C-alpha atoms as a PDB file:
ATOM      1  CA  MET A   1       9.085  21.959  63.569  1.00  0.00           C
ATOM      2  CA  ASN A   2       7.817  23.920  60.514  1.00  0.00           C
ATOM      3  CA  ASP A   3       4.429  22.444  59.739  1.00  0.00           C
ATOM      4  CA  LYS A   4       4.886  23.348  56.066  1.00  0.00           C
ATOM      5  CA  ILE A   5       7.397  20.465  55.487  1.00  0.00           C
ATOM      6  CA  ARG A   6       6.001  17.720  57.958  1.00  0.00           C
ATOM      7  CA  ASP A   7       3.386  15.191  56.406  1.00  0.00           C
ATOM      8  CA  PRO A   8       3.834  11.168  56.192  1.00  0.00           C
ATOM      9  CA  GLN A   9       6.120  11.210  53.301  1.00  0.00           C
ATOM     10  CA  THR A  10       8.373  13.488  55.133  1.00  0.00           C
ATOM     11  CA  ASP A  11       8.419  11.702  58.235  1.00  0.00           C
ATOM     12  CA  ALA A  12       9.316   8.229  56.285  1.00  0.00           C
ATOM     13  CA  LEU A  13      12.356  10.024  54.848  1.00  0.00           C
ATOM     14  CA  PHE A  14      13.486  10.369  58.421  1.00  0.00           C
ATOM     15  CA  ASP A  15      12.374   7.569  59.566  1.00  0.00           C
ATOM     16  CA  ALA A  16      14.532   5.874  57.100  1.00  0.00           C
ATOM     17  CA  ILE A  17      17.470   8.081  58.032  1.00  0.00           C
ATOM     18  CA  LEU A  18      17.583   7.406  61.504  1.00  0.00           C
ATOM     19  CA  THR A  19      17.837   3.300  60.815  1.00  0.00           C
ATOM     20  CA  LEU A  20      21.861   4.550  59.309  1.00  0.00           C
ATOM     21  CA  ARG A  21      24.304   3.086  61.927  1.00  0.00           C
ATOM     22  CA  THR A  22      27.534   3.891  59.967  1.00  0.00           C
ATOM     23  CA  ARG A  23      29.103   6.626  58.199  1.00  0.00           C
ATOM     24  CA  ASP A  24      29.523   4.523  55.123  1.00  0.00           C
ATOM     25  CA  GLU A  25      25.511   3.591  55.310  1.00  0.00           C
ATOM     26  CA  CYS A  26      25.038   7.468  55.128  1.00  0.00           C
ATOM     27  CA  TYR A  27      27.114   7.894  52.061  1.00  0.00           C
ATOM     28  CA  ASN A  28      25.087   5.403  50.746  1.00  0.00           C
ATOM     29  CA  LEU A  29      21.943   6.370  50.842  1.00  0.00           C
ATOM     30  CA  PHE A  30      23.128  10.221  50.542  1.00  0.00           C
ATOM     31  CA  GLU A  31      24.839   9.451  47.247  1.00  0.00           C
ATOM     32  CA  ASP A  32      21.516   7.129  46.089  1.00  0.00           C
ATOM     33  CA  LEU A  33      19.288  10.339  47.603  1.00  0.00           C
ATOM     34  CA  CYS A  34      20.275  13.366  46.743  1.00  0.00           C
ATOM     35  CA  THR A  35      23.117  14.970  43.484  1.00  0.00           C
ATOM     36  CA  VAL A  36      27.233  15.318  44.751  1.00  0.00           C
ATOM     37  CA  SER A  37      26.091  19.005  44.487  1.00  0.00           C
ATOM     38  CA  GLU A  38      23.450  18.987  47.138  1.00  0.00           C
ATOM     39  CA  ILE A  39      25.651  16.777  49.707  1.00  0.00           C
ATOM     40  CA  LYS A  40      28.520  19.154  49.359  1.00  0.00           C
ATOM     41  CA  SER A  41      26.266  21.733  49.862  1.00  0.00           C
ATOM     42  CA  LEU A  42      24.719  20.323  53.140  1.00  0.00           C
ATOM     43  CA  ALA A  43      28.190  19.254  54.181  1.00  0.00           C
ATOM     44  CA  SER A  44      29.456  22.974  53.839  1.00  0.00           C
ATOM     45  CA  ARG A  45      26.465  24.794  55.678  1.00  0.00           C
ATOM     46  CA  ILE A  46      27.632  22.461  58.865  1.00  0.00           C
ATOM     47  CA  GLN A  47      30.695  23.710  58.350  1.00  0.00           C
ATOM     48  CA  VAL A  48      29.306  27.486  57.987  1.00  0.00           C
ATOM     49  CA  ALA A  49      27.466  26.704  61.368  1.00  0.00           C
ATOM     50  CA  ALA A  50      30.085  25.466  63.248  1.00  0.00           C
ATOM     51  CA  LEU A  51      32.412  28.506  61.808  1.00  0.00           C
ATOM     52  CA  LEU A  52      29.561  31.168  62.937  1.00  0.00           C
ATOM     53  CA  ASN A  53      29.151  29.314  66.244  1.00  0.00           C
ATOM     54  CA  GLU A  54      33.178  29.850  66.884  1.00  0.00           C
ATOM     55  CA  GLY A  55      32.570  33.461  66.419  1.00  0.00           C
ATOM     56  CA  HIS A  56      34.273  33.679  62.548  1.00  0.00           C
ATOM     57  CA  THR A  57      33.479  36.609  60.615  1.00  0.00           C
ATOM     58  CA  TYR A  58      31.929  36.056  56.710  1.00  0.00           C
ATOM     59  CA  ALA A  59      34.532  37.146  55.373  1.00  0.00           C
ATOM     60  CA  GLU A  60      36.662  34.701  56.855  1.00  0.00           C
ATOM     61  CA  ILE A  61      34.265  32.079  56.797  1.00  0.00           C
ATOM     62  CA  PHE A  62      33.750  33.166  52.787  1.00  0.00           C
ATOM     63  CA  GLU A  63      37.565  32.962  52.750  1.00  0.00           C
ATOM     64  CA  ARG A  64      37.736  29.393  53.844  1.00  0.00           C
ATOM     65  CA  THR A  65      34.862  28.173  52.553  1.00  0.00           C
ATOM     66  CA  GLY A  66      33.826  29.912  49.540  1.00  0.00           C
ATOM     67  CA  VAL A  67      30.554  29.854  50.843  1.00  0.00           C
ATOM     68  CA  SER A  68      28.099  32.793  49.817  1.00  0.00           C
ATOM     69  CA  THR A  69      27.877  35.099  52.165  1.00  0.00           C
ATOM     70  CA  ALA A  70      24.050  34.688  51.068  1.00  0.00           C
ATOM     71  CA  THR A  71      24.453  31.325  52.226  1.00  0.00           C
ATOM     72  CA  ILE A  72      26.408  31.938  55.230  1.00  0.00           C
ATOM     73  CA  SER A  73      23.757  34.556  56.113  1.00  0.00           C
ATOM     74  CA  ARG A  74      20.832  32.299  55.513  1.00  0.00           C
ATOM     75  CA  VAL A  75      22.621  29.540  58.348  1.00  0.00           C
ATOM     76  CA  ASN A  76      23.406  32.512  60.403  1.00  0.00           C
ATOM     77  CA  ARG A  77      19.808  33.593  60.292  1.00  0.00           C
ATOM     78  CA  CYS A  78      18.967  29.764  61.453  1.00  0.00           C
ATOM     79  CA  LEU A  79      21.533  29.980  64.112  1.00  0.00           C
ATOM     80  CA  GLU A  80      19.715  33.152  65.821  1.00  0.00           C
ATOM     81  CA  TYR A  81      16.006  32.413  64.776  1.00  0.00           C
ATOM     82  CA  GLY A  82      15.357  28.570  63.619  1.00  0.00           C
ATOM     83  CA  ALA A  83      14.420  25.136  64.917  1.00  0.00           C
ATOM     84  CA  ASP A  84      18.011  25.078  66.773  1.00  0.00           C
ATOM     85  CA  GLY A  85      19.083  21.955  64.485  1.00  0.00           C
ATOM     86  CA  TYR A  86      22.462  23.181  63.933  1.00  0.00           C
ATOM     87  CA  LYS A  87      22.998  23.794  67.701  1.00  0.00           C
ATOM     88  CA  THR A  88      21.434  20.677  68.482  1.00  0.00           C
ATOM     89  CA  VAL A  89      24.195  19.025  66.120  1.00  0.00           C
ATOM     90  CA  LEU A  90      27.066  21.115  67.212  1.00  0.00           C
ATOM     91  CA  GLU A  91      25.784  20.459  71.154  1.00  0.00           C
ATOM     92  CA  ARG A  92      26.588  16.702  70.206  1.00  0.00           C
ATOM     93  CA  VAL A  93      29.274  16.429  67.998  1.00  0.00           C
ATOM     94  CA  SER A  94      32.049  16.176  70.048  1.00  0.00           C
ATOM     95  CA  ASN A  95      34.559  19.674  68.766  1.00  0.00           C
ATOM     96  CA  ASN A  96      36.923  16.600  66.936  1.00  0.00           C
ATOM     97  CA  GLU A  97      34.137  15.363  64.564  1.00  0.00           C
ATOM     98  CA  ILE A  98      32.943  18.499  63.157  1.00  0.00           C
ATOM     99  CA  LEU A  99      36.657  20.506  62.124  1.00  0.00           C
ATOM    100  CA  THR A 100      36.032  24.075  61.002  1.00  0.00           C
ATOM    101  CA  ASP A 101      39.080  23.192  58.024  1.00  0.00           C
ATOM    102  CA  GLY A 102      36.518  20.553  56.493  1.00  0.00           C
ATOM    103  CA  LYS A 103      39.090  17.456  57.200  1.00  0.00           C
ATOM    104  CA  GLU A 104      38.118  14.846  59.717  1.00  0.00           C
ATOM    105  CA  SER A 105      40.036  14.355  62.613  1.00  0.00           C
ATOM    106  CA  PRO A 106      42.236  11.003  62.857  1.00  0.00           C
END
């Protein structure tokens, strides 16, 4: 964990997130907490991580998502050298829950 972000205020934020039980509760909190653009940006980074994890190229990911190559590169650096947050999520979420076409499973 990056000590630059660890503090009681950030701990309280993460504790609050951990209390959420449903997708609707997540939508409600994040809609209050973030702009639509920020939420979409976070969601697209998870999608990029999933695509990189599947072995897709930057060009393929850009074509499918429209995410800049700079963002793709940043996500890739995190996958390779980061705190393993993306890896943890990708391992825990079943393949049917994070679909790399951006659609929810049936």
